[in-house]
Each structure stands twice: as C-alpha cells, then as structure tokens.
Amino acid sequence: MKNEEREVKISFQSKESYICPVCGTDFHREELLSGSGRLIAGDLTDELHRLYEPSIRYGDIYPLAYQATVCPECLFASMDNDFMTLPKPNRQKVLADQEKRKKDTLQIFPNVDFYENRGLISGAASLYLVLRCYDFFPKEFSPTIKQGIAALRTGWLLDEINQKYPGQHYDWVATLFKKKAEFLYNDAIRREQSGIESLSSLKAFGPDTDKNYSYEGALYLCALLKSKYGPMADAAQRIASLEDAKRTVAKIFGMGKSSKSKPGSLLESARSLYESINKELTQIDA
C-alpha cells in the first residue's frame, strides 16, 4: 500500500522552511514532482497556454497550481522569488488587508484551505492571491506585468474548473480575469515604454511554465488579449483598440526571422492574429 502511495504522489513539501514576512507563520511550500510520466504535454492555445493530457496513473495535473507561494495563515502570496523580499514598510498594509483578503478569496473559491495540498480550485485561488498581493509591491519588483501573468493564469485554471463543474458560472469569472489580464499586460508595456516601471525584475515572461516567450510573447499577448477581451460594444472604440493591437503585433513578425526569444510558433501565431485583426477591421468598415 505504501509503495502504491509513493507511485501516485504528484507533489512534496519543500525541505526549506518559509517564514511569512507578514504574519510570521512557519510553513513548507508544496512543490510539483516531475518525471515518471506525470506530465503529458498537449496542445498550445492561442494564449500560449500549454494544455496537458491526463495520465492513466496520476490523472489530471495542473502545473500552474503550484507556482505561487502562499502563506496558509494570512494568505499573503507572490511569485516564489519575491515572497521573502516584501519591503518591510509595506508589511503592515498587507496585514491590515488580511481579513478582507480572506473574505474575498472565499467568495470566489469556497472552502479553500492552503494548509491542505493544492488542487485545481486552490491553485486558481493561489494565483488570484498573487494578483491581489502585488498591489503591495513597489515598482522595482515589476508588479504590473506579474499581476498580468497571474490574472491570465487564474483565468486558465478557471477554464479548467468550468469544464469540471459546468453551469456554475466559472466561465464568466474566467473571462473577467482575462479582461483584467488584458488591461494589466497593456498597462505594463505602457509603463515600461514610458519609463514608469521597468520589466527587469521579471525573470521569465512565461506566460505558462513550459516555455519563456520573453518580451515578444508579452507584446503578442497585449495584442491577442485586446482583440479577444477588449472593447466590443462601441464600434469606434473597437476600431481604435484593434488598430492599436495591429501595430503591436506587427512589431513581432516585422522584426525578421525566428530566434530563441521569438520562436517560429510565436511568429506564426502573430501572423495569424495580424490577419484576423485585419479581417475584422475590414468587416467593420464595410
């Protein structure tokens, strides 16, 4: 029986102990095991999200569910590299937000408990908490783009939740998070280009865990998310939004051949998006 339990294990508790910089709770971070056929890569979506096929032995595994570091007591959360480096002057603000943070999280993700092993719902909740808690990080941490990534990842996991539990409006909530991601991605690039907030603190642009699509990937997502989740009702706003997205995506495939940061798959997606935007603009003008 013990051997069987080891075989189906998908995560483990880190040896390193974390001390929450906000409330002082001592905890261990849950890490995802790899290898032994646990992760079976599937398709890549137009949002650069890697899908995974369920394993016969291990079932469904969601790598994104394990990316955030979350204090199980006060629910302070961030990307792992930033967790212990929250500036001291901001810690009291995070502590003051604790009860509201818990209440808001439980309204979206009922009964979530970070003392338990992560599942799909707690994984989505962890990324929502990352989105929320980067409000407490200064610009030196590149918080806006990190919030954008967290919002997009939350939306992806909510899509998965909606497939498992249809009819409970998780699809609607997923769209809300993707709309938030659209705003944050474009705001992050705007801030970077105007010198307000650098992207230098971000080690990997993702947006998923399997590949880093770098700055060009972020530009692509700015355009894609704007075309999918930007203004829809007002024709003039829609045209302006699409024209802006078109200029953004043109920068990617207009720069030439593929490279490590700009793989062929990204170039192909960018060209396809460019053509799609052009087609919609033509139809609006007609």
C-alpha atoms as a PDB file:
ATOM      1  CA  MET A   1       0.000   0.000   0.000  1.00  0.00           C
ATOM      2  CA  LYS A   2       2.844   2.402   0.872  1.00  0.00           C
ATOM      3  CA  ASN A   3       4.598   1.644  -2.408  1.00  0.00           C
ATOM      4  CA  GLU A   4       1.394   2.429  -4.292  1.00  0.00           C
ATOM      5  CA  GLU A   5       1.064   5.750  -2.428  1.00  0.00           C
ATOM      6  CA  ARG A   6       4.593   6.712  -3.473  1.00  0.00           C
ATOM      7  CA  GLU A   7       3.851   5.850  -7.092  1.00  0.00           C
ATOM      8  CA  VAL A   8       0.834   8.145  -7.357  1.00  0.00           C
ATOM      9  CA  LYS A   9       2.359  11.059  -5.462  1.00  0.00           C
ATOM     10  CA  ILE A  10       2.412  14.244  -7.531  1.00  0.00           C
ATOM     11  CA  SER A  11       3.862  16.754  -5.068  1.00  0.00           C
ATOM     12  CA  PHE A  12       6.065  17.062  -1.999  1.00  0.00           C
ATOM     13  CA  GLN A  13       6.756  19.523   0.803  1.00  0.00           C
ATOM     14  CA  SER A  14       9.945  21.541   0.373  1.00  0.00           C
ATOM     15  CA  LYS A  15      12.760  20.939   2.848  1.00  0.00           C
ATOM     16  CA  GLU A  16      13.248  24.674   3.105  1.00  0.00           C
ATOM     17  CA  SER A  17      11.081  26.340   5.713  1.00  0.00           C
ATOM     18  CA  TYR A  18       9.362  29.614   4.845  1.00  0.00           C
ATOM     19  CA  ILE A  19       8.681  32.311   7.422  1.00  0.00           C
ATOM     20  CA  CYS A  20       5.888  34.568   6.250  1.00  0.00           C
ATOM     21  CA  PRO A  21       7.216  38.166   6.216  1.00  0.00           C
ATOM     22  CA  VAL A  22       3.730  39.441   7.075  1.00  0.00           C
ATOM     23  CA  CYS A  23       2.433  37.289   9.947  1.00  0.00           C
ATOM     24  CA  GLY A  24       5.474  35.164  10.853  1.00  0.00           C
ATOM     25  CA  THR A  25       3.860  31.778  10.138  1.00  0.00           C
ATOM     26  CA  ASP A  26       6.360  28.960   9.547  1.00  0.00           C
ATOM     27  CA  PHE A  27       5.366  26.686   6.660  1.00  0.00           C
ATOM     28  CA  HIS A  28       6.706  24.498   3.863  1.00  0.00           C
ATOM     29  CA  ARG A  29       5.996  25.129   0.193  1.00  0.00           C
ATOM     30  CA  GLU A  30       4.313  22.414  -1.849  1.00  0.00           C
ATOM     31  CA  GLU A  31       6.336  21.525  -4.952  1.00  0.00           C
ATOM     32  CA  LEU A  32       5.255  19.601  -8.034  1.00  0.00           C
ATOM     33  CA  LEU A  33       7.114  16.388  -8.813  1.00  0.00           C
ATOM     34  CA  SER A  34       8.172  15.818 -12.406  1.00  0.00           C
ATOM     35  CA  GLY A  35       9.093  12.756 -14.439  1.00  0.00           C
ATOM     36  CA  SER A  36       7.652   9.234 -14.463  1.00  0.00           C
ATOM     37  CA  GLY A  37       5.008  10.246 -16.996  1.00  0.00           C
ATOM     38  CA  ARG A  38       3.257  12.681 -14.686  1.00  0.00           C
ATOM     39  CA  LEU A  39       3.012  15.455 -17.276  1.00  0.00           C
ATOM     40  CA  ILE A  40       1.880  14.637 -20.821  1.00  0.00           C
ATOM     41  CA  ALA A  41       2.092  17.791 -22.911  1.00  0.00           C
ATOM     42  CA  GLY A  42      -0.852  18.529 -25.169  1.00  0.00           C
ATOM     43  CA  ASP A  43      -1.744  21.450 -27.416  1.00  0.00           C
ATOM     44  CA  LEU A  44      -0.619  25.053 -27.099  1.00  0.00           C
ATOM     45  CA  THR A  45      -3.519  27.516 -27.170  1.00  0.00           C
ATOM     46  CA  ASP A  46      -3.513  30.870 -28.933  1.00  0.00           C
ATOM     47  CA  GLU A  47      -2.966  32.423 -25.474  1.00  0.00           C
ATOM     48  CA  LEU A  48       0.337  30.468 -25.182  1.00  0.00           C
ATOM     49  CA  HIS A  49      -1.196  28.201 -22.550  1.00  0.00           C
ATOM     50  CA  ARG A  50       0.120  24.630 -22.552  1.00  0.00           C
ATOM     51  CA  LEU A  51      -2.581  22.019 -22.089  1.00  0.00           C
ATOM     52  CA  TYR A  52      -1.782  18.642 -20.529  1.00  0.00           C
ATOM     53  CA  GLU A  53      -3.358  15.275 -21.135  1.00  0.00           C
ATOM     54  CA  PRO A  54      -4.492  13.272 -18.076  1.00  0.00           C
ATOM     55  CA  SER A  55      -2.191  10.424 -17.116  1.00  0.00           C
ATOM     56  CA  ILE A  56      -3.689   6.984 -16.515  1.00  0.00           C
ATOM     57  CA  ARG A  57      -1.722   6.669 -13.265  1.00  0.00           C
ATOM     58  CA  TYR A  58      -1.682  10.245 -11.989  1.00  0.00           C
ATOM     59  CA  GLY A  59      -4.838  11.729 -13.506  1.00  0.00           C
ATOM     60  CA  ASP A  60      -5.102  15.458 -14.210  1.00  0.00           C
ATOM     61  CA  ILE A  61      -2.163  17.593 -13.122  1.00  0.00           C
ATOM     62  CA  TYR A  62      -2.082  21.382 -13.351  1.00  0.00           C
ATOM     63  CA  PRO A  63       1.478  22.764 -13.056  1.00  0.00           C
ATOM     64  CA  LEU A  64       0.190  26.318 -12.673  1.00  0.00           C
ATOM     65  CA  ALA A  65      -1.481  25.368  -9.397  1.00  0.00           C
ATOM     66  CA  TYR A  66       1.952  25.089  -7.741  1.00  0.00           C
ATOM     67  CA  GLN A  67       3.605  28.296  -8.976  1.00  0.00           C
ATOM     68  CA  ALA A  68       2.518  30.720  -6.258  1.00  0.00           C
ATOM     69  CA  THR A  69       3.953  30.798  -2.768  1.00  0.00           C
ATOM     70  CA  VAL A  70       1.102  31.379  -0.296  1.00  0.00           C
ATOM     71  CA  CYS A  71       1.166  31.804   3.463  1.00  0.00           C
ATOM     72  CA  PRO A  72      -1.535  29.379   4.645  1.00  0.00           C
ATOM     73  CA  GLU A  73      -2.419  31.617   7.576  1.00  0.00           C
ATOM     74  CA  CYS A  74      -2.677  35.223   6.324  1.00  0.00           C
ATOM     75  CA  LEU A  75      -2.886  34.377   2.585  1.00  0.00           C
ATOM     76  CA  PHE A  76      -0.082  36.689   1.555  1.00  0.00           C
ATOM     77  CA  ALA A  77       1.099  35.412  -1.839  1.00  0.00           C
ATOM     78  CA  SER A  78       3.604  36.195  -4.575  1.00  0.00           C
ATOM     79  CA  MET A  79       5.887  34.595  -7.097  1.00  0.00           C
ATOM     80  CA  ASP A  80       8.367  32.466  -5.188  1.00  0.00           C
ATOM     81  CA  ASN A  81      11.402  34.704  -5.730  1.00  0.00           C
ATOM     82  CA  ASP A  82       9.622  37.718  -4.246  1.00  0.00           C
ATOM     83  CA  PHE A  83       7.937  36.130  -1.244  1.00  0.00           C
ATOM     84  CA  MET A  84      10.676  36.727   1.345  1.00  0.00           C
ATOM     85  CA  THR A  85      11.647  40.134  -0.050  1.00  0.00           C
ATOM     86  CA  LEU A  86       8.435  42.090   0.540  1.00  0.00           C
ATOM     87  CA  PRO A  87       9.683  45.531   1.706  1.00  0.00           C
ATOM     88  CA  LYS A  88       9.286  45.971   5.450  1.00  0.00           C
ATOM     89  CA  PRO A  89       7.393  49.304   5.219  1.00  0.00           C
ATOM     90  CA  ASN A  90       4.649  47.534   3.232  1.00  0.00           C
ATOM     91  CA  ARG A  91       4.132  44.564   5.557  1.00  0.00           C
ATOM     92  CA  GLN A  92       1.683  46.342   7.856  1.00  0.00           C
ATOM     93  CA  LYS A  93      -0.504  47.196   4.856  1.00  0.00           C
ATOM     94  CA  VAL A  94      -0.633  43.525   3.866  1.00  0.00           C
ATOM     95  CA  LEU A  95      -1.506  42.546   7.430  1.00  0.00           C
ATOM     96  CA  ALA A  96      -4.269  45.160   7.583  1.00  0.00           C
ATOM     97  CA  ASP A  97      -5.768  43.683   4.394  1.00  0.00           C
ATOM     98  CA  GLN A  98      -5.741  40.120   5.774  1.00  0.00           C
ATOM     99  CA  GLU A  99      -9.394  39.679   6.731  1.00  0.00           C
ATOM    100  CA  LYS A 100     -10.739  41.275   3.567  1.00  0.00           C
ATOM    101  CA  ARG A 101      -8.295  39.209   1.518  1.00  0.00           C
ATOM    102  CA  LYS A 102      -9.560  36.010   3.096  1.00  0.00           C
ATOM    103  CA  LYS A 103     -13.217  37.010   2.700  1.00  0.00           C
ATOM    104  CA  ASP A 104     -12.823  37.971  -0.955  1.00  0.00           C
ATOM    105  CA  THR A 105     -10.912  34.771  -1.739  1.00  0.00           C
ATOM    106  CA  LEU A 106     -13.535  32.541  -0.130  1.00  0.00           C
ATOM    107  CA  GLN A 107     -16.322  34.289  -2.047  1.00  0.00           C
ATOM    108  CA  ILE A 108     -14.771  33.163  -5.335  1.00  0.00           C
ATOM    109  CA  PHE A 109     -13.182  29.911  -4.151  1.00  0.00           C
ATOM    110  CA  PRO A 110     -15.323  28.474  -1.305  1.00  0.00           C
ATOM    111  CA  ASN A 111     -13.680  26.349   1.398  1.00  0.00           C
ATOM    112  CA  VAL A 112     -10.161  26.763   0.024  1.00  0.00           C
ATOM    113  CA  ASP A 113      -7.514  25.835   2.618  1.00  0.00           C
ATOM    114  CA  PHE A 114      -3.793  26.324   1.988  1.00  0.00           C
ATOM    115  CA  TYR A 115      -2.855  24.023   4.850  1.00  0.00           C
ATOM    116  CA  GLU A 116      -4.059  21.236   2.545  1.00  0.00           C
ATOM    117  CA  ASN A 117      -2.377  20.000  -0.633  1.00  0.00           C
ATOM    118  CA  ARG A 118      -3.125  22.069  -3.711  1.00  0.00           C
ATOM    119  CA  GLY A 119      -5.898  21.131  -6.076  1.00  0.00           C
ATOM    120  CA  LEU A 120      -7.363  22.854  -9.087  1.00  0.00           C
ATOM    121  CA  ILE A 121      -9.524  25.285  -7.087  1.00  0.00           C
ATOM    122  CA  SER A 122      -6.865  26.159  -4.508  1.00  0.00           C
ATOM    123  CA  GLY A 123      -4.380  26.531  -7.358  1.00  0.00           C
ATOM    124  CA  ALA A 124      -6.615  29.117  -9.010  1.00  0.00           C
ATOM    125  CA  ALA A 125      -7.102  30.812  -5.641  1.00  0.00           C
ATOM    126  CA  SER A 126      -3.327  30.992  -5.131  1.00  0.00           C
ATOM    127  CA  LEU A 127      -2.901  32.856  -8.417  1.00  0.00           C
ATOM    128  CA  TYR A 128      -5.770  35.199  -7.558  1.00  0.00           C
ATOM    129  CA  LEU A 129      -3.922  35.995  -4.331  1.00  0.00           C
ATOM    130  CA  VAL A 130      -0.728  36.713  -6.284  1.00  0.00           C
ATOM    131  CA  LEU A 131      -2.680  39.144  -8.459  1.00  0.00           C
ATOM    132  CA  ARG A 132      -4.053  40.828  -5.377  1.00  0.00           C
ATOM    133  CA  CYS A 133      -0.895  40.954  -3.275  1.00  0.00           C
ATOM    134  CA  TYR A 134       1.357  42.560  -5.885  1.00  0.00           C
ATOM    135  CA  ASP A 135      -0.563  45.740  -5.118  1.00  0.00           C
ATOM    136  CA  PHE A 136       1.729  45.890  -2.086  1.00  0.00           C
ATOM    137  CA  PHE A 137       4.996  45.669  -4.050  1.00  0.00           C
ATOM    138  CA  PRO A 138       6.782  48.809  -5.337  1.00  0.00           C
ATOM    139  CA  LYS A 139       7.678  49.366  -8.996  1.00  0.00           C
ATOM    140  CA  GLU A 140      11.172  47.891  -8.543  1.00  0.00           C
ATOM    141  CA  PHE A 141       9.509  44.451  -8.458  1.00  0.00           C
ATOM    142  CA  SER A 142       7.760  44.934 -11.849  1.00  0.00           C
ATOM    143  CA  PRO A 143       4.407  44.256 -10.164  1.00  0.00           C
ATOM    144  CA  THR A 144       2.134  45.159 -13.098  1.00  0.00           C
ATOM    145  CA  ILE A 145       3.388  42.515 -15.528  1.00  0.00           C
ATOM    146  CA  LYS A 146       3.438  39.935 -12.721  1.00  0.00           C
ATOM    147  CA  GLN A 147      -0.187  40.783 -11.963  1.00  0.00           C
ATOM    148  CA  GLY A 148      -0.980  40.382 -15.658  1.00  0.00           C
ATOM    149  CA  ILE A 149       0.565  36.912 -15.753  1.00  0.00           C
ATOM    150  CA  ALA A 150      -1.237  35.933 -12.537  1.00  0.00           C
ATOM    151  CA  ALA A 151      -4.588  37.180 -13.877  1.00  0.00           C
ATOM    152  CA  LEU A 152      -4.168  35.236 -17.124  1.00  0.00           C
ATOM    153  CA  ARG A 153      -3.149  32.059 -15.288  1.00  0.00           C
ATOM    154  CA  THR A 154      -6.131  32.427 -12.951  1.00  0.00           C
ATOM    155  CA  GLY A 155      -8.381  32.642 -15.988  1.00  0.00           C
ATOM    156  CA  TRP A 156      -6.856  29.477 -17.448  1.00  0.00           C
ATOM    157  CA  LEU A 157      -7.412  27.461 -14.280  1.00  0.00           C
ATOM    158  CA  LEU A 158     -10.956  28.800 -14.040  1.00  0.00           C
ATOM    159  CA  ASP A 159     -11.496  27.473 -17.573  1.00  0.00           C
ATOM    160  CA  GLU A 160     -10.439  24.050 -16.275  1.00  0.00           C
ATOM    161  CA  ILE A 161     -12.742  24.390 -13.259  1.00  0.00           C
ATOM    162  CA  ASN A 162     -15.602  25.276 -15.593  1.00  0.00           C
ATOM    163  CA  GLN A 163     -15.010  22.086 -17.573  1.00  0.00           C
ATOM    164  CA  LYS A 164     -15.148  20.003 -14.398  1.00  0.00           C
ATOM    165  CA  TYR A 165     -18.060  21.884 -12.830  1.00  0.00           C
ATOM    166  CA  PRO A 166     -20.150  23.318 -15.699  1.00  0.00           C
ATOM    167  CA  GLY A 167     -23.128  25.551 -15.107  1.00  0.00           C
ATOM    168  CA  GLN A 168     -21.658  27.342 -12.072  1.00  0.00           C
ATOM    169  CA  HIS A 169     -20.553  30.487 -13.954  1.00  0.00           C
ATOM    170  CA  TYR A 170     -16.826  29.778 -13.718  1.00  0.00           C
ATOM    171  CA  ASP A 171     -16.585  30.570 -17.445  1.00  0.00           C
ATOM    172  CA  TRP A 172     -17.892  34.063 -16.742  1.00  0.00           C
ATOM    173  CA  VAL A 173     -15.390  34.553 -13.906  1.00  0.00           C
ATOM    174  CA  ALA A 174     -12.581  33.253 -16.159  1.00  0.00           C
ATOM    175  CA  THR A 175     -13.450  35.915 -18.732  1.00  0.00           C
ATOM    176  CA  LEU A 176     -13.343  38.610 -16.044  1.00  0.00           C
ATOM    177  CA  PHE A 177      -9.799  37.589 -15.122  1.00  0.00           C
ATOM    178  CA  LYS A 178      -8.731  37.545 -18.771  1.00  0.00           C
ATOM    179  CA  LYS A 179     -10.159  41.033 -19.225  1.00  0.00           C
ATOM    180  CA  LYS A 180      -8.116  42.055 -16.194  1.00  0.00           C
ATOM    181  CA  ALA A 181      -5.062  40.436 -17.785  1.00  0.00           C
ATOM    182  CA  GLU A 182      -5.675  42.410 -20.993  1.00  0.00           C
ATOM    183  CA  PHE A 183      -5.610  45.677 -19.060  1.00  0.00           C
ATOM    184  CA  LEU A 184      -2.561  44.724 -16.974  1.00  0.00           C
ATOM    185  CA  TYR A 185      -0.458  43.434 -19.871  1.00  0.00           C
ATOM    186  CA  ASN A 186      -1.050  46.589 -21.900  1.00  0.00           C
ATOM    187  CA  ASP A 187      -0.533  48.802 -18.852  1.00  0.00           C
ATOM    188  CA  ALA A 188       2.742  47.025 -18.051  1.00  0.00           C
ATOM    189  CA  ILE A 189       4.098  47.578 -21.561  1.00  0.00           C
ATOM    190  CA  ARG A 190       2.923  51.198 -21.496  1.00  0.00           C
ATOM    191  CA  ARG A 191       4.667  51.738 -18.163  1.00  0.00           C
ATOM    192  CA  GLU A 192       7.841  50.111 -19.415  1.00  0.00           C
ATOM    193  CA  GLN A 193       7.950  52.132 -22.632  1.00  0.00           C
ATOM    194  CA  SER A 194       7.327  55.398 -20.768  1.00  0.00           C
ATOM    195  CA  GLY A 195       9.953  54.649 -18.119  1.00  0.00           C
ATOM    196  CA  ILE A 196       7.472  54.482 -15.240  1.00  0.00           C
ATOM    197  CA  GLU A 197       8.033  50.814 -14.350  1.00  0.00           C
ATOM    198  CA  SER A 198      10.737  48.524 -15.687  1.00  0.00           C
ATOM    199  CA  LEU A 199      10.173  44.868 -16.529  1.00  0.00           C
ATOM    200  CA  SER A 200      13.686  43.960 -15.335  1.00  0.00           C
ATOM    201  CA  SER A 201      12.505  42.198 -12.160  1.00  0.00           C
ATOM    202  CA  LEU A 202      10.668  39.578 -14.207  1.00  0.00           C
ATOM    203  CA  LYS A 203      12.961  36.583 -14.729  1.00  0.00           C
ATOM    204  CA  ALA A 204      10.668  34.679 -17.098  1.00  0.00           C
ATOM    205  CA  PHE A 205       7.763  36.128 -19.072  1.00  0.00           C
ATOM    206  CA  GLY A 206       6.052  32.777 -19.485  1.00  0.00           C
ATOM    207  CA  PRO A 207       3.106  33.154 -19.649  1.00  0.00           C
ATOM    208  CA  ASP A 208       2.922  29.423 -18.855  1.00  0.00           C
ATOM    209  CA  THR A 209       5.548  27.257 -17.174  1.00  0.00           C
ATOM    210  CA  ASP A 210       6.753  25.205 -20.144  1.00  0.00           C
ATOM    211  CA  LYS A 211       8.428  27.976 -22.171  1.00  0.00           C
ATOM    212  CA  ASN A 212       9.554  31.577 -21.787  1.00  0.00           C
ATOM    213  CA  TYR A 213       8.287  33.630 -24.731  1.00  0.00           C
ATOM    214  CA  SER A 214      10.156  36.697 -23.484  1.00  0.00           C
ATOM    215  CA  TYR A 215       9.228  40.301 -24.266  1.00  0.00           C
ATOM    216  CA  GLU A 216       7.947  39.429 -27.737  1.00  0.00           C
ATOM    217  CA  GLY A 217       5.492  36.996 -26.150  1.00  0.00           C
ATOM    218  CA  ALA A 218       4.232  39.774 -23.892  1.00  0.00           C
ATOM    219  CA  LEU A 219       3.704  42.030 -26.916  1.00  0.00           C
ATOM    220  CA  TYR A 220       1.800  39.249 -28.663  1.00  0.00           C
ATOM    221  CA  LEU A 221      -0.440  38.763 -25.634  1.00  0.00           C
ATOM    222  CA  CYS A 222      -1.087  42.512 -25.426  1.00  0.00           C
ATOM    223  CA  ALA A 223      -2.483  42.347 -28.950  1.00  0.00           C
ATOM    224  CA  LEU A 224      -4.250  38.996 -28.627  1.00  0.00           C
ATOM    225  CA  LEU A 225      -5.975  39.800 -25.352  1.00  0.00           C
ATOM    226  CA  LYS A 226      -7.038  43.188 -26.684  1.00  0.00           C
ATOM    227  CA  SER A 227      -8.585  41.521 -29.749  1.00  0.00           C
ATOM    228  CA  LYS A 228     -10.388  38.888 -27.638  1.00  0.00           C
ATOM    229  CA  TYR A 229     -11.307  40.764 -24.471  1.00  0.00           C
ATOM    230  CA  GLY A 230     -11.015  44.461 -25.345  1.00  0.00           C
ATOM    231  CA  PRO A 231     -13.879  46.864 -26.151  1.00  0.00           C
ATOM    232  CA  MET A 232     -16.680  45.238 -28.139  1.00  0.00           C
ATOM    233  CA  ALA A 233     -19.891  47.291 -27.883  1.00  0.00           C
ATOM    234  CA  ASP A 234     -18.794  50.646 -29.289  1.00  0.00           C
ATOM    235  CA  ALA A 235     -17.608  50.468 -32.928  1.00  0.00           C
ATOM    236  CA  ALA A 236     -15.244  53.451 -32.674  1.00  0.00           C
ATOM    237  CA  GLN A 237     -13.600  52.089 -29.530  1.00  0.00           C
ATOM    238  CA  ARG A 238     -13.361  48.664 -31.122  1.00  0.00           C
ATOM    239  CA  ILE A 239     -11.637  50.026 -34.219  1.00  0.00           C
ATOM    240  CA  ALA A 240      -9.173  52.055 -32.151  1.00  0.00           C
ATOM    241  CA  SER A 241      -8.426  49.033 -29.958  1.00  0.00           C
ATOM    242  CA  LEU A 242      -7.873  46.745 -32.961  1.00  0.00           C
ATOM    243  CA  GLU A 243      -5.661  49.289 -34.735  1.00  0.00           C
ATOM    244  CA  ASP A 244      -3.506  49.516 -31.622  1.00  0.00           C
ATOM    245  CA  ALA A 245      -3.351  45.711 -31.381  1.00  0.00           C
ATOM    246  CA  LYS A 246      -2.416  45.526 -35.060  1.00  0.00           C
ATOM    247  CA  ARG A 247       0.513  47.913 -34.574  1.00  0.00           C
ATOM    248  CA  THR A 248       1.686  45.922 -31.556  1.00  0.00           C
ATOM    249  CA  VAL A 249       1.600  42.526 -33.237  1.00  0.00           C
ATOM    250  CA  ALA A 250       3.265  43.900 -36.373  1.00  0.00           C
ATOM    251  CA  LYS A 251       6.353  44.643 -34.294  1.00  0.00           C
ATOM    252  CA  ILE A 252       6.831  40.915 -33.654  1.00  0.00           C
ATOM    253  CA  PHE A 253       6.850  39.405 -37.128  1.00  0.00           C
ATOM    254  CA  GLY A 254       8.211  42.643 -38.628  1.00  0.00           C
ATOM    255  CA  MET A 255      11.487  42.090 -36.798  1.00  0.00           C
ATOM    256  CA  GLY A 256      12.563  39.213 -39.025  1.00  0.00           C
ATOM    257  CA  LYS A 257      13.479  35.598 -38.524  1.00  0.00           C
ATOM    258  CA  SER A 258      12.759  33.392 -35.543  1.00  0.00           C
ATOM    259  CA  SER A 259      15.161  33.280 -32.604  1.00  0.00           C
ATOM    260  CA  LYS A 260      15.368  31.811 -29.126  1.00  0.00           C
ATOM    261  CA  SER A 261      13.123  34.554 -27.709  1.00  0.00           C
ATOM    262  CA  LYS A 262      10.974  34.632 -30.825  1.00  0.00           C
ATOM    263  CA  PRO A 263      10.373  31.011 -31.884  1.00  0.00           C
ATOM    264  CA  GLY A 264       8.669  30.093 -35.124  1.00  0.00           C
ATOM    265  CA  SER A 265       5.463  29.114 -33.323  1.00  0.00           C
ATOM    266  CA  LEU A 266       5.173  32.640 -31.888  1.00  0.00           C
ATOM    267  CA  LEU A 267       5.807  34.212 -35.293  1.00  0.00           C
ATOM    268  CA  GLU A 268       3.128  32.021 -36.845  1.00  0.00           C
ATOM    269  CA  SER A 269       0.658  32.938 -34.105  1.00  0.00           C
ATOM    270  CA  ALA A 270       1.489  36.621 -34.557  1.00  0.00           C
ATOM    271  CA  ARG A 271       0.903  36.452 -38.317  1.00  0.00           C
ATOM    272  CA  SER A 272      -2.383  34.627 -37.806  1.00  0.00           C
ATOM    273  CA  LEU A 273      -3.510  37.235 -35.273  1.00  0.00           C
ATOM    274  CA  TYR A 274      -2.493  40.065 -37.615  1.00  0.00           C
ATOM    275  CA  GLU A 275      -4.576  38.568 -40.415  1.00  0.00           C
ATOM    276  CA  SER A 276      -7.528  38.035 -38.059  1.00  0.00           C
ATOM    277  CA  ILE A 277      -7.420  41.662 -36.882  1.00  0.00           C
ATOM    278  CA  ASN A 278      -7.166  42.894 -40.473  1.00  0.00           C
ATOM    279  CA  LYS A 279     -10.185  40.821 -41.447  1.00  0.00           C
ATOM    280  CA  GLU A 280     -12.306  42.165 -38.577  1.00  0.00           C
ATOM    281  CA  LEU A 281     -11.302  45.771 -39.343  1.00  0.00           C
ATOM    282  CA  THR A 282     -12.330  45.256 -42.969  1.00  0.00           C
ATOM    283  CA  GLN A 283     -15.715  43.873 -41.887  1.00  0.00           C
ATOM    284  CA  ILE A 284     -16.316  46.801 -39.502  1.00  0.00           C
ATOM    285  CA  ASP A 285     -15.502  49.328 -42.224  1.00  0.00           C
ATOM    286  CA  ALA A 286     -17.732  47.590 -44.757  1.00  0.00           C
END
